[in-house]
Amino acid sequence: MRIKFYITLIFSLLSISLWGQRSTLTREYITPERIVLESGNITNSERLLKDGIGQSTLSNADVCVIKGKGSILVDFGCELHGAIEIVTGMSPTSGDAKLHITLGESVSEAMSRIGEKGATNDHAVRDFDLSVPWLGVAQYGNSGFRFARIETLDSTATLYLREVRAISIYKDVPQLGTFESSDTLLNQIWSTGKRTVHLCMQDYLWDGIKRDRLVWIGDMMPEVISIFALFGADEIIPKSLDLTRDATPLPGWMNGISSYSLWWVLLQEEWYKRVEDFDYLKEQEDYLYALLEQIIKTIDDNGVEHLGGTRFLDWPSNANSKAIDAGLQSLTVMTMKSGEHLCKILGKKELSKKCKDYYKKTLKAAKTLGDEFIKTNQNPIGEKQAVALLTLCEALDAAKGAELIAKNGTKGFSTFYGYFMCEALAMGGMIDQATDIIKEYWGGMLKMGATTFWEDFDLAWVDGSAPIDEVVPEGKKDIHGDFGAYCYLGFRHSLCHGWASGPTPWMMHHILGITLEESGYKEISINPHLGKLDWAKGSYPTPYGIISISLTKDKEGKTIIDVDAPKEIKININK
């Protein structure tokens, strides 16, 4: 049960999206759905499952009573970003009560203390002591969590606990894009991806809502694609692009990672393709020109990049230098192509031509790497990331690239680059295979209790592990605390990471078949692919209004397409 109290925060008057949507931060008060565990001398704990009002009263007729030391672990039903609220009653002794609160994205994380299996307060304090007033209300915390453990610390005191609620804080922006099909698992994956990216839309576009509450510019691409498909051209995108630009004086690399500065260029083009805001692009020109020249200086006479800074694609590929080299070469190709386009729009003819020349040189070098992958690919961890980028920059034949990515199914997939792998599969004509992989890989997180998608995931973790919404029994692995690598070991692992939302727009682009053909949504192609589905339908936002699509199969298996679109958009339907 949930009660909404909409409170407009300070940014409400400032955050108006370019498509006329008012975007505010909203507070929603969430009542626990169940009590997972309790210990100590506790009575009437079920009171905490009733809807509250956030107000103490003099009546003690219906309160949860904790005598001495005890603890209660509650489940709010889904991952959320926000705080915890405690409402107390008129306990026998006046004065503040000392509690210890632990928030967790999993049951086991909520039962851990700092330092246990990587548990941390990095980026957001989720493990803390709290003094709550006698006959009053206390609110504290700002983290990503689903579970909360409330522990009393005084062995001689009695606490009257009237309410425990979560305060979910999210961006109040209308959802314009939709998707539904005859496959309930796909529908659940689509909705979970939507929730994942939406929660990461806070003051800026964050990577995660617990750990990594930062703007990592390279990680933004799947998030941005998701936002366009769900909410349209929200102001959080340029706001986050500008933040990272201003925080990175040249010759620095954004976030210290050279590929992330390349992603910034690609995101600038993506924003312009959707919005056609010349004035905004004009604001970028000095930085853009200098950055493109800086990238060009790293390219040798053979067209091979030698980018500095941290050389990085994603964490699962981080130990594979061959994959990183090929991936960065591919991103350099894409960046030179985008640079040519953006400089042409801005009237910077000489630099546009220079980018075009280096695009040809870098593409030739990337094709050489692509040929090597075809000859030597053994499908080790990390190579599917590189193959996806080689395919997307057209250095590798799309059919051959898709074949390499489809090899061994979900093995080698990651939540970040999995989006690009699925894009490459679609480019190579393997939409059905990509759909099956999405169901198996992202569906695997759902089977383990996920309500948002994770920073990383490996299907091998599932065997012998308990789901995140259960107490880990003897003999089982803790899928949250016992796995992870690099910066996301154990409970430091984020279970809501926006870069993992890729399947949500992917379904809209490749099952519904929506393809942007001309900047500003002047022309769109509809090339649907129902595959094994009986039907699918959805909507997609544009500056001119909503495109609605309905797909059904007739008795002969032919797809019947029904499209309703604004008259300003030229629609090409490919049957």
Protein backbone atom coordinates (compact mmCIF):
# COMPACT_ATOMS: atom_id res chain seq x y z
CA MET A 1 0.00 0.00 0.00
CA ARG A 2 1.33 3.43 -0.87
CA ILE A 3 0.26 6.99 -0.10
CA LYS A 4 1.56 9.80 -2.30
CA PHE A 5 2.20 13.27 -1.03
CA TYR A 6 3.58 15.34 -3.90
CA ILE A 7 5.93 18.05 -2.69
CA THR A 8 7.59 20.28 -5.27
CA LEU A 9 11.25 20.79 -4.47
CA ILE A 10 13.56 23.70 -5.22
CA PHE A 11 14.27 22.71 -8.81
CA SER A 12 10.64 22.62 -9.87
CA LEU A 13 10.61 26.04 -11.54
CA LEU A 14 13.94 25.46 -13.24
CA SER A 15 13.49 21.99 -14.70
CA ILE A 16 11.34 22.37 -17.80
CA SER A 17 12.17 19.92 -20.56
CA LEU A 18 12.55 21.04 -24.13
CA TRP A 19 9.39 19.20 -25.10
CA GLY A 20 7.25 21.16 -22.68
CA GLN A 21 7.28 18.70 -19.78
CA ARG A 22 7.62 20.04 -16.25
CA SER A 23 10.20 17.95 -14.38
CA THR A 24 10.27 18.10 -10.58
CA LEU A 25 11.61 15.98 -7.77
CA THR A 26 8.78 14.24 -5.96
CA ARG A 27 8.51 12.63 -2.53
CA GLU A 28 6.41 9.49 -2.22
CA TYR A 29 5.92 7.88 1.18
CA ILE A 30 6.16 4.09 1.02
CA THR A 31 4.76 1.71 3.67
CA PRO A 32 6.59 -1.61 4.18
CA GLU A 33 5.01 -4.59 2.45
CA ARG A 34 6.34 -7.23 4.84
CA ILE A 35 8.48 -7.82 7.88
CA VAL A 36 11.35 -10.06 6.86
CA LEU A 37 12.87 -10.64 10.31
CA GLU A 38 12.45 -9.51 13.89
CA SER A 39 14.36 -10.31 17.05
CA GLY A 40 14.01 -9.36 20.70
CA ASN A 41 10.97 -8.56 22.85
CA ILE A 42 8.66 -7.08 20.20
CA THR A 43 4.88 -6.89 20.11
CA ASN A 44 2.44 -5.67 17.44
CA SER A 45 5.11 -5.41 14.70
CA GLU A 46 2.40 -5.84 12.07
CA ARG A 47 1.36 -2.26 12.91
CA LEU A 48 4.26 -1.11 10.72
CA LEU A 49 2.55 -2.60 7.64
CA LYS A 50 -0.39 -0.22 7.94
CA ASP A 51 -0.45 3.03 6.01
CA GLY A 52 0.83 5.92 8.06
CA ILE A 53 0.28 9.66 8.14
CA GLY A 54 3.72 10.84 9.29
CA GLN A 55 2.35 12.30 12.50
CA SER A 56 2.64 11.34 16.17
CA THR A 57 -0.48 11.29 18.34
CA LEU A 58 -1.12 10.93 22.07
CA SER A 59 -2.89 7.63 21.49
CA ASN A 60 -0.86 4.50 22.14
CA ALA A 61 -3.70 2.18 21.23
CA ASP A 62 -1.94 0.78 18.16
CA VAL A 63 1.87 0.93 18.24
CA CYS A 64 4.75 -1.50 17.82
CA VAL A 65 6.55 -1.94 21.15
CA ILE A 66 10.22 -2.90 21.40
CA LYS A 67 11.44 -3.57 24.95
CA GLY A 68 15.20 -3.44 25.37
CA LYS A 69 17.46 -4.36 22.49
CA GLY A 70 15.69 -5.66 19.40
CA SER A 71 15.53 -5.29 15.65
CA ILE A 72 13.05 -5.34 12.80
CA LEU A 73 13.93 -5.80 9.11
CA VAL A 74 11.27 -4.47 6.72
CA ASP A 75 10.83 -4.79 2.95
CA PHE A 76 9.41 -1.83 1.00
CA GLY A 77 8.70 -4.06 -1.99
CA CYS A 78 10.94 -2.47 -4.60
CA GLU A 79 14.20 -0.59 -5.02
CA LEU A 80 13.88 3.13 -4.33
CA HIS A 81 15.99 6.24 -3.86
CA GLY A 82 15.44 8.34 -0.79
CA ALA A 83 15.31 8.35 3.00
CA ILE A 84 13.80 6.64 6.02
CA GLU A 85 11.12 8.11 8.31
CA ILE A 86 10.53 6.99 11.90
CA VAL A 87 7.41 8.06 13.81
CA THR A 88 7.41 7.38 17.56
CA GLY A 89 4.67 7.16 20.12
CA MET A 90 4.49 8.15 23.77
CA SER A 91 7.00 5.71 25.26
CA PRO A 92 7.03 5.24 29.09
CA THR A 93 10.23 7.30 29.44
CA SER A 94 10.69 10.64 27.72
CA GLY A 95 13.87 11.59 25.88
CA ASP A 96 15.35 10.58 22.56
CA ALA A 97 15.87 6.92 21.69
CA LYS A 98 19.07 5.58 20.16
CA LEU A 99 18.62 3.45 17.06
CA HIS A 100 20.91 1.93 14.47
CA ILE A 101 19.55 1.96 10.91
CA THR A 102 20.91 -0.14 8.07
CA LEU A 103 19.52 0.32 4.57
CA GLY A 104 20.14 -2.33 1.94
CA GLU A 105 19.45 -3.16 -1.69
CA SER A 106 19.23 -6.78 -0.54
CA VAL A 107 18.17 -8.49 2.68
CA SER A 108 21.75 -9.50 3.36
CA GLU A 109 23.10 -5.98 2.80
CA ALA A 110 20.54 -4.60 5.26
CA MET A 111 21.80 -7.15 7.81
CA SER A 112 25.46 -6.18 7.31
CA ARG A 113 27.66 -3.57 8.92
CA ILE A 114 30.30 -1.37 7.30
CA GLY A 115 33.26 -3.47 6.19
CA GLU A 116 31.38 -6.76 5.94
CA LYS A 117 31.66 -8.19 2.42
CA GLY A 118 32.37 -4.77 0.96
CA ALA A 119 29.53 -2.95 2.76
CA THR A 120 30.22 0.77 2.60
CA ASN A 121 28.86 4.25 3.12
CA ASP A 122 30.63 5.50 -0.03
CA HIS A 123 28.58 8.11 -1.91
CA ALA A 124 25.57 7.63 0.38
CA VAL A 125 25.32 6.88 4.10
CA ARG A 126 23.23 3.75 4.49
CA ASP A 127 24.54 2.44 7.85
CA PHE A 128 24.15 4.92 10.73
CA ASP A 129 23.07 5.67 14.28
CA LEU A 130 19.95 7.80 14.65
CA SER A 131 18.42 9.57 17.62
CA VAL A 132 14.63 9.67 17.37
CA PRO A 133 12.49 11.95 19.51
CA TRP A 134 9.97 10.92 22.12
CA LEU A 135 6.55 11.43 20.58
CA GLY A 136 7.90 12.81 17.29
CA VAL A 137 9.17 12.22 13.77
CA ALA A 138 12.69 11.74 12.44
CA GLN A 139 13.78 11.56 8.81
CA TYR A 140 17.28 10.67 7.74
CA GLY A 141 19.31 9.22 4.91
CA ASN A 142 19.57 9.57 1.16
CA SER A 143 20.52 6.32 -0.50
CA GLY A 144 19.34 3.55 -2.78
CA PHE A 145 17.62 0.71 -0.93
CA ARG A 146 14.70 -1.67 -0.68
CA PHE A 147 15.16 -3.03 2.84
CA ALA A 148 15.69 -1.30 6.20
CA ARG A 149 16.76 -2.76 9.53
CA ILE A 150 15.81 -0.78 12.63
CA GLU A 151 17.74 -1.80 15.75
CA THR A 152 17.29 -0.42 19.28
CA LEU A 153 20.56 0.13 21.17
CA ASP A 154 19.41 0.65 24.80
CA SER A 155 18.86 -2.58 26.71
CA THR A 156 16.80 -0.83 29.42
CA ALA A 157 14.53 1.38 27.30
CA THR A 158 11.14 0.72 25.74
CA LEU A 159 10.40 2.18 22.30
CA TYR A 160 6.88 2.82 21.04
CA LEU A 161 7.17 2.73 17.27
CA ARG A 162 4.16 4.03 15.38
CA GLU A 163 5.42 4.10 11.76
CA VAL A 164 8.42 3.24 9.62
CA ARG A 165 8.20 4.57 6.07
CA ALA A 166 10.54 5.08 3.16
CA ILE A 167 10.59 8.47 1.43
CA SER A 168 11.06 7.76 -2.26
CA ILE A 169 12.52 10.73 -4.17
CA TYR A 170 12.30 10.70 -7.94
CA LYS A 171 11.95 12.99 -10.93
CA ASP A 172 8.34 13.83 -11.65
CA VAL A 173 8.39 13.65 -15.42
CA PRO A 174 5.53 12.21 -17.50
CA GLN A 175 6.15 8.79 -18.97
CA LEU A 176 5.37 9.10 -22.68
CA GLY A 177 6.92 5.93 -24.10
CA THR A 178 5.27 2.56 -23.56
CA PHE A 179 5.71 -1.07 -24.58
CA GLU A 180 3.61 -4.18 -24.09
CA SER A 181 3.64 -7.56 -25.80
CA SER A 182 2.28 -11.09 -25.59
CA ASP A 183 5.43 -12.10 -23.63
CA THR A 184 5.00 -11.25 -19.93
CA LEU A 185 8.71 -11.67 -19.18
CA LEU A 186 9.67 -9.15 -21.86
CA ASN A 187 7.09 -6.76 -20.44
CA GLN A 188 8.58 -7.13 -16.97
CA ILE A 189 12.10 -6.56 -18.29
CA TRP A 190 10.92 -3.45 -20.15
CA SER A 191 9.26 -2.05 -17.01
CA THR A 192 12.26 -2.86 -14.82
CA GLY A 193 14.59 -1.07 -17.22
CA LYS A 194 12.24 1.92 -17.14
CA ARG A 195 12.31 2.03 -13.34
CA THR A 196 16.09 1.62 -13.29
CA VAL A 197 16.84 4.65 -15.44
CA HIS A 198 14.05 6.73 -13.92
CA LEU A 199 15.47 6.33 -10.41
CA CYS A 200 18.87 7.48 -11.69
CA MET A 201 17.32 10.72 -12.97
CA GLN A 202 17.89 12.87 -9.89
CA ASP A 203 19.44 16.35 -9.85
CA TYR A 204 21.75 14.98 -12.55
CA LEU A 205 21.81 11.72 -14.46
CA TRP A 206 23.53 9.36 -12.04
CA ASP A 207 25.09 5.99 -12.62
CA GLY A 208 23.55 4.46 -9.52
CA ILE A 209 21.37 5.55 -6.61
CA LYS A 210 23.39 3.91 -3.82
CA ARG A 211 26.99 3.86 -4.98
CA ASP A 212 28.13 5.89 -8.00
CA ARG A 213 25.76 8.80 -7.48
CA LEU A 214 27.93 10.57 -10.06
CA VAL A 215 27.77 11.59 -13.69
CA TRP A 216 29.95 9.08 -15.56
CA ILE A 217 29.69 10.46 -19.06
CA GLY A 218 30.50 7.26 -20.98
CA ASP A 219 27.94 5.29 -19.02
CA MET A 220 25.26 7.76 -20.05
CA MET A 221 24.71 6.52 -23.60
CA PRO A 222 22.29 3.64 -22.80
CA GLU A 223 20.64 5.88 -20.19
CA VAL A 224 20.17 8.70 -22.69
CA ILE A 225 18.69 6.33 -25.29
CA SER A 226 16.31 5.04 -22.61
CA ILE A 227 15.28 8.55 -21.56
CA PHE A 228 14.52 9.60 -25.14
CA ALA A 229 12.32 6.51 -25.57
CA LEU A 230 10.51 6.94 -22.26
CA PHE A 231 10.36 10.65 -21.44
CA GLY A 232 11.57 12.55 -24.48
CA ALA A 233 14.28 15.21 -24.50
CA ASP A 234 14.61 15.82 -20.77
CA GLU A 235 16.81 18.69 -19.57
CA ILE A 236 18.79 16.34 -17.33
CA ILE A 237 20.78 15.21 -20.40
CA PRO A 238 22.39 18.55 -21.40
CA LYS A 239 22.66 19.49 -17.73
CA SER A 240 24.79 16.40 -17.10
CA LEU A 241 26.80 16.85 -20.30
CA ASP A 242 27.63 20.42 -19.29
CA LEU A 243 28.54 19.44 -15.74
CA THR A 244 31.14 16.98 -16.98
CA ARG A 245 32.49 19.40 -19.59
CA ASP A 246 32.94 22.15 -17.03
CA ALA A 247 34.61 19.74 -14.58
CA THR A 248 37.13 18.62 -17.22
CA PRO A 249 39.44 21.36 -18.52
CA LEU A 250 41.38 20.19 -21.56
CA PRO A 251 43.69 18.38 -22.06
CA GLY A 252 42.07 16.28 -19.36
CA TRP A 253 39.91 13.28 -20.17
CA MET A 254 36.38 13.21 -18.79
CA ASN A 255 36.19 11.17 -15.59
CA GLY A 256 39.88 10.45 -16.20
CA ILE A 257 38.94 8.00 -18.96
CA SER A 258 39.79 8.82 -22.58
CA SER A 259 36.91 6.85 -24.06
CA TYR A 260 34.49 8.90 -21.96
CA SER A 261 35.51 12.11 -23.73
CA LEU A 262 34.73 10.27 -26.98
CA TRP A 263 31.32 9.32 -25.61
CA TRP A 264 30.71 13.00 -24.81
CA VAL A 265 31.12 13.86 -28.51
CA LEU A 266 28.78 10.99 -29.48
CA LEU A 267 26.21 12.16 -26.92
CA GLN A 268 26.36 15.70 -28.30
CA GLU A 269 25.45 14.33 -31.72
CA GLU A 270 22.70 12.15 -30.21
CA TRP A 271 21.17 15.18 -28.48
CA TYR A 272 21.31 17.26 -31.67
CA LYS A 273 19.75 14.47 -33.76
CA ARG A 274 16.78 14.38 -31.42
CA VAL A 275 16.35 18.07 -30.57
CA GLU A 276 18.10 20.11 -33.29
CA ASP A 277 18.99 22.81 -30.79
CA PHE A 278 21.62 24.78 -32.69
CA ASP A 279 22.05 27.33 -29.91
CA TYR A 280 22.97 24.60 -27.44
CA LEU A 281 25.42 23.04 -29.89
CA LYS A 282 26.94 26.47 -30.49
CA GLU A 283 27.67 26.70 -26.76
CA GLN A 284 29.84 23.59 -27.09
CA GLU A 285 31.92 24.65 -30.06
CA ASP A 286 35.10 25.89 -28.35
CA TYR A 287 35.38 22.81 -26.17
CA LEU A 288 34.26 20.50 -28.98
CA TYR A 289 36.81 21.82 -31.49
CA ALA A 290 39.67 21.60 -28.99
CA LEU A 291 38.65 18.10 -27.90
CA LEU A 292 38.46 16.84 -31.50
CA GLU A 293 41.93 18.25 -32.20
CA GLN A 294 43.19 16.57 -29.03
CA ILE A 295 41.78 13.22 -30.15
CA ILE A 296 43.23 13.59 -33.65
CA LYS A 297 46.70 14.11 -32.16
CA THR A 298 46.49 10.62 -30.64
CA ILE A 299 46.00 8.99 -34.09
CA ASP A 300 49.16 7.82 -35.90
CA ASP A 301 49.84 7.77 -39.64
CA ASN A 302 48.28 4.30 -39.91
CA GLY A 303 45.02 5.49 -38.37
CA VAL A 304 45.61 3.71 -35.05
CA GLU A 305 44.54 5.55 -31.89
CA HIS A 306 46.91 6.01 -28.95
CA LEU A 307 44.51 7.55 -26.47
CA GLY A 308 45.88 8.46 -23.06
CA GLY A 309 44.21 8.44 -19.66
CA THR A 310 42.59 5.29 -18.36
CA ARG A 311 41.82 2.94 -21.24
CA PHE A 312 38.42 1.49 -20.42
CA LEU A 313 35.28 0.01 -21.99
CA ASP A 314 33.46 -1.67 -19.12
CA TRP A 315 34.53 -3.68 -16.08
CA PRO A 316 34.06 -7.22 -17.42
CA SER A 317 36.35 -6.42 -20.38
CA ASN A 318 38.92 -4.61 -18.25
CA ALA A 319 41.46 -7.45 -18.15
CA ASN A 320 41.41 -7.94 -21.93
CA SER A 321 43.78 -5.35 -23.45
CA LYS A 322 43.11 -6.66 -26.97
CA ALA A 323 39.40 -5.99 -26.55
CA ILE A 324 40.03 -2.55 -25.09
CA ASP A 325 42.30 -1.60 -28.00
CA ALA A 326 39.71 -2.71 -30.55
CA GLY A 327 36.90 -1.00 -28.65
CA LEU A 328 38.76 2.30 -28.38
CA GLN A 329 39.66 2.14 -32.06
CA SER A 330 35.97 1.68 -32.88
CA LEU A 331 34.94 4.57 -30.65
CA THR A 332 37.55 6.76 -32.34
CA VAL A 333 36.02 5.90 -35.72
CA MET A 334 32.55 6.84 -34.46
CA THR A 335 33.86 10.05 -32.90
CA MET A 336 35.54 11.19 -36.10
CA LYS A 337 32.31 10.56 -37.98
CA SER A 338 30.29 12.49 -35.38
CA GLY A 339 32.91 15.24 -35.34
CA GLU A 340 32.58 15.65 -39.10
CA HIS A 341 28.80 15.97 -38.77
CA LEU A 342 28.79 18.39 -35.83
CA CYS A 343 31.49 20.63 -37.30
CA LYS A 344 29.58 20.74 -40.58
CA ILE A 345 26.45 21.91 -38.76
CA LEU A 346 28.50 24.58 -36.98
CA GLY A 347 30.11 25.74 -40.25
CA LYS A 348 33.61 24.66 -39.21
CA LYS A 349 34.44 23.34 -42.68
CA GLU A 350 38.19 22.79 -42.27
CA LEU A 351 37.84 20.76 -39.07
CA SER A 352 34.87 18.88 -40.54
CA LYS A 353 37.02 17.80 -43.48
CA LYS A 354 39.86 16.89 -41.14
CA CYS A 355 37.54 14.67 -39.09
CA LYS A 356 36.30 13.06 -42.31
CA ASP A 357 39.86 12.28 -43.41
CA TYR A 358 40.70 10.76 -40.04
CA TYR A 359 37.43 8.84 -40.06
CA LYS A 360 38.58 7.06 -43.20
CA LYS A 361 42.03 6.36 -41.73
CA THR A 362 40.73 5.08 -38.41
CA LEU A 363 38.05 2.98 -40.10
CA LYS A 364 40.69 1.27 -42.23
CA ALA A 365 42.70 0.44 -39.12
CA ALA A 366 39.55 -0.78 -37.35
CA LYS A 367 38.74 -3.10 -40.26
CA THR A 368 42.15 -4.69 -39.85
CA LEU A 369 41.32 -5.38 -36.21
CA GLY A 370 37.94 -6.74 -37.24
CA ASP A 371 39.57 -9.19 -39.64
CA GLU A 372 41.82 -10.36 -36.81
CA PHE A 373 38.82 -11.01 -34.58
CA ILE A 374 37.18 -13.17 -37.23
CA LYS A 375 40.36 -15.23 -37.59
CA THR A 376 41.28 -15.62 -33.93
CA ASN A 377 38.12 -15.15 -31.86
CA GLN A 378 37.86 -17.72 -29.09
CA ASN A 379 35.08 -15.81 -27.34
CA PRO A 380 37.01 -15.01 -24.14
CA ILE A 381 35.58 -12.58 -21.62
CA GLY A 382 35.62 -9.02 -22.94
CA GLU A 383 35.68 -9.71 -26.65
CA LYS A 384 31.95 -9.33 -27.23
CA GLN A 385 32.25 -5.70 -26.13
CA ALA A 386 34.89 -5.10 -28.79
CA VAL A 387 33.02 -7.04 -31.48
CA ALA A 388 29.87 -5.02 -30.78
CA LEU A 389 31.68 -1.71 -31.28
CA LEU A 390 33.56 -2.96 -34.36
CA THR A 391 30.19 -3.95 -35.81
CA LEU A 392 28.46 -0.68 -34.92
CA CYS A 393 31.22 1.43 -36.47
CA GLU A 394 30.95 -0.75 -39.62
CA ALA A 395 34.52 -2.03 -39.39
CA LEU A 396 33.20 -5.56 -39.13
CA ASP A 397 30.60 -7.19 -41.36
CA ALA A 398 27.34 -7.02 -39.43
CA ALA A 399 26.40 -10.66 -40.03
CA LYS A 400 29.83 -11.88 -38.94
CA GLY A 401 29.85 -9.60 -35.92
CA ALA A 402 26.41 -10.82 -34.85
CA GLU A 403 27.54 -14.42 -35.25
CA LEU A 404 30.49 -13.83 -32.90
CA ILE A 405 28.30 -12.11 -30.31
CA ALA A 406 25.63 -14.83 -30.47
CA LYS A 407 28.26 -17.53 -29.88
CA ASN A 408 27.67 -19.14 -26.45
CA GLY A 409 24.61 -16.97 -25.86
CA THR A 410 24.79 -14.81 -22.74
CA LYS A 411 28.38 -15.75 -21.93
CA GLY A 412 30.48 -12.60 -21.97
CA PHE A 413 27.48 -10.26 -21.69
CA SER A 414 27.49 -7.29 -19.33
CA THR A 415 24.73 -4.99 -18.16
CA PHE A 416 26.42 -1.91 -19.72
CA TYR A 417 27.76 -3.17 -23.04
CA GLY A 418 24.99 -5.74 -23.34
CA TYR A 419 22.96 -2.96 -24.93
CA PHE A 420 25.56 -2.46 -27.67
CA MET A 421 25.82 -6.23 -28.14
CA CYS A 422 22.06 -6.43 -28.69
CA GLU A 423 22.28 -3.50 -31.09
CA ALA A 424 24.98 -5.31 -33.07
CA LEU A 425 22.90 -8.50 -33.09
CA ALA A 426 19.96 -6.56 -34.53
CA MET A 427 22.25 -4.92 -37.09
CA GLY A 428 23.32 -8.41 -38.17
CA GLY A 429 19.74 -9.65 -38.53
CA MET A 430 19.62 -11.58 -35.23
CA ILE A 431 16.73 -9.84 -33.49
CA ASP A 432 15.21 -13.12 -32.28
CA GLN A 433 18.55 -14.21 -30.80
CA ALA A 434 18.95 -10.85 -29.07
CA THR A 435 15.43 -11.12 -27.65
CA ASP A 436 16.20 -14.58 -26.26
CA ILE A 437 19.43 -13.30 -24.69
CA ILE A 438 17.58 -10.38 -23.10
CA LYS A 439 15.06 -12.77 -21.58
CA GLU A 440 17.75 -15.08 -20.25
CA TYR A 441 20.28 -12.49 -19.05
CA TRP A 442 18.16 -9.59 -17.77
CA GLY A 443 15.45 -12.08 -16.85
CA GLY A 444 18.05 -13.84 -14.70
CA MET A 445 18.23 -10.79 -12.44
CA LEU A 446 14.45 -10.80 -12.09
CA LYS A 447 14.57 -14.44 -11.00
CA MET A 448 16.92 -13.40 -8.22
CA GLY A 449 14.47 -10.83 -6.89
CA ALA A 450 15.63 -7.73 -8.77
CA THR A 451 13.23 -4.80 -9.14
CA THR A 452 15.91 -2.72 -10.90
CA PHE A 453 18.86 -3.87 -13.02
CA TRP A 454 22.33 -4.21 -11.64
CA GLU A 455 25.77 -2.71 -12.19
CA ASP A 456 26.97 -6.11 -13.39
CA PHE A 457 25.61 -9.63 -13.56
CA ASP A 458 26.79 -13.07 -14.54
CA LEU A 459 24.35 -15.95 -14.93
CA ALA A 460 26.97 -18.21 -13.34
CA TRP A 461 26.28 -16.43 -10.04
CA VAL A 462 22.72 -17.78 -9.95
CA ASP A 463 23.47 -21.48 -9.44
CA GLY A 464 23.46 -22.21 -5.72
CA SER A 465 22.63 -18.63 -4.68
CA ALA A 466 19.72 -17.21 -2.72
CA PRO A 467 17.74 -14.29 -4.20
CA ILE A 468 18.23 -10.79 -2.85
CA ASP A 469 14.82 -10.70 -1.12
CA GLU A 470 15.48 -13.69 1.16
CA VAL A 471 17.68 -14.45 4.14
CA VAL A 472 20.57 -16.53 2.78
CA PRO A 473 20.11 -20.08 4.12
CA GLU A 474 22.93 -22.37 5.18
CA GLY A 475 24.69 -23.86 2.16
CA LYS A 476 23.60 -21.14 -0.27
CA LYS A 477 25.67 -18.32 -1.76
CA ASP A 478 24.75 -14.68 -1.23
CA ILE A 479 24.34 -13.34 -4.77
CA HIS A 480 24.89 -9.79 -3.52
CA GLY A 481 27.62 -10.22 -0.91
CA ASP A 482 29.63 -13.10 -2.41
CA PHE A 483 30.17 -11.85 -5.96
CA GLY A 484 31.35 -8.81 -7.90
CA ALA A 485 34.79 -7.53 -8.91
CA TYR A 486 36.88 -4.38 -9.33
CA CYS A 487 35.04 -1.46 -7.68
CA TYR A 488 31.83 -3.44 -7.06
CA LEU A 489 32.93 -6.25 -4.74
CA GLY A 490 30.23 -7.66 -2.50
CA PHE A 491 27.72 -5.25 -1.03
CA ARG A 492 29.46 -2.32 -2.73
CA HIS A 493 27.81 -3.68 -5.89
CA SER A 494 25.04 -1.35 -7.06
CA LEU A 495 21.73 -3.09 -7.74
CA CYS A 496 20.29 -0.07 -9.58
CA HIS A 497 22.57 1.13 -12.36
CA GLY A 498 21.14 3.22 -15.19
CA TRP A 499 23.49 1.79 -17.81
CA ALA A 500 21.67 -1.54 -17.44
CA SER A 501 18.38 -0.16 -18.85
CA GLY A 502 19.30 -0.87 -22.49
CA PRO A 503 16.66 -3.55 -23.23
CA THR A 504 13.88 -1.01 -22.65
CA PRO A 505 14.59 1.22 -25.69
CA TRP A 506 15.95 -1.76 -27.62
CA MET A 507 12.51 -3.43 -27.61
CA MET A 508 10.90 -0.22 -28.85
CA HIS A 509 13.46 0.22 -31.62
CA HIS A 510 13.65 -3.36 -32.84
CA ILE A 511 10.38 -5.08 -31.91
CA LEU A 512 8.13 -2.10 -32.57
CA GLY A 513 10.65 -1.12 -35.24
CA ILE A 514 11.03 2.62 -34.62
CA THR A 515 14.04 4.15 -36.39
CA LEU A 516 14.90 7.85 -36.57
CA GLU A 517 15.74 8.66 -40.19
CA GLU A 518 16.11 12.44 -40.07
CA SER A 519 17.19 14.81 -37.30
CA GLY A 520 14.40 16.31 -35.25
CA TYR A 521 12.03 13.40 -35.93
CA LYS A 522 11.02 14.77 -39.31
CA GLU A 523 11.17 11.26 -40.76
CA ILE A 524 10.79 7.89 -39.04
CA SER A 525 10.80 4.34 -40.34
CA ILE A 526 8.67 1.60 -38.84
CA ASN A 527 10.29 -1.78 -39.45
CA PRO A 528 8.72 -4.09 -36.86
CA HIS A 529 9.86 -7.57 -35.88
CA LEU A 530 7.39 -9.60 -33.86
CA GLY A 531 9.44 -12.79 -34.12
CA LYS A 532 7.90 -15.29 -31.69
CA LEU A 533 5.45 -12.74 -30.30
CA ASP A 534 1.75 -12.81 -31.16
CA TRP A 535 1.35 -9.06 -30.69
CA ALA A 536 3.08 -5.95 -29.43
CA LYS A 537 2.10 -2.34 -28.99
CA GLY A 538 3.58 0.85 -27.67
CA SER A 539 4.11 4.57 -27.94
CA TYR A 540 7.15 6.73 -28.57
CA PRO A 541 7.60 10.45 -27.78
CA THR A 542 8.60 13.04 -30.37
CA PRO A 543 8.62 16.87 -30.31
CA TYR A 544 5.40 16.77 -32.35
CA GLY A 545 3.54 14.34 -30.13
CA ILE A 546 3.23 10.62 -29.55
CA ILE A 547 3.68 7.89 -32.17
CA SER A 548 1.44 4.92 -31.37
CA ILE A 549 2.11 1.49 -32.88
CA SER A 550 0.09 -1.73 -32.71
CA LEU A 551 1.35 -5.00 -34.19
CA THR A 552 -0.65 -8.22 -34.55
CA LYS A 553 -0.32 -11.41 -36.53
CA ASP A 554 -3.03 -12.65 -38.86
CA LYS A 555 -3.84 -16.33 -39.42
CA GLU A 556 -1.02 -16.67 -41.96
CA GLY A 557 1.53 -15.19 -39.55
CA LYS A 558 1.78 -11.89 -41.41
CA THR A 559 2.29 -8.81 -39.22
CA ILE A 560 -0.54 -6.29 -39.33
CA ILE A 561 0.80 -2.79 -38.57
CA ASP A 562 -1.32 0.06 -37.25
CA VAL A 563 0.45 3.40 -36.79
CA ASP A 564 -0.91 6.70 -35.51
CA ALA A 565 1.61 9.55 -35.79
CA PRO A 566 1.63 13.37 -35.80
CA LYS A 567 1.11 14.79 -39.28
CA GLU A 568 4.44 16.66 -39.12
CA ILE A 569 6.38 13.37 -39.24
CA LYS A 570 6.96 11.47 -42.45
CA ILE A 571 6.39 7.78 -41.66
CA ASN A 572 7.89 4.99 -43.76
CA ILE A 573 6.31 1.62 -43.00
CA ASN A 574 8.38 -1.38 -44.05
CA LYS A 575 6.20 -4.47 -44.13
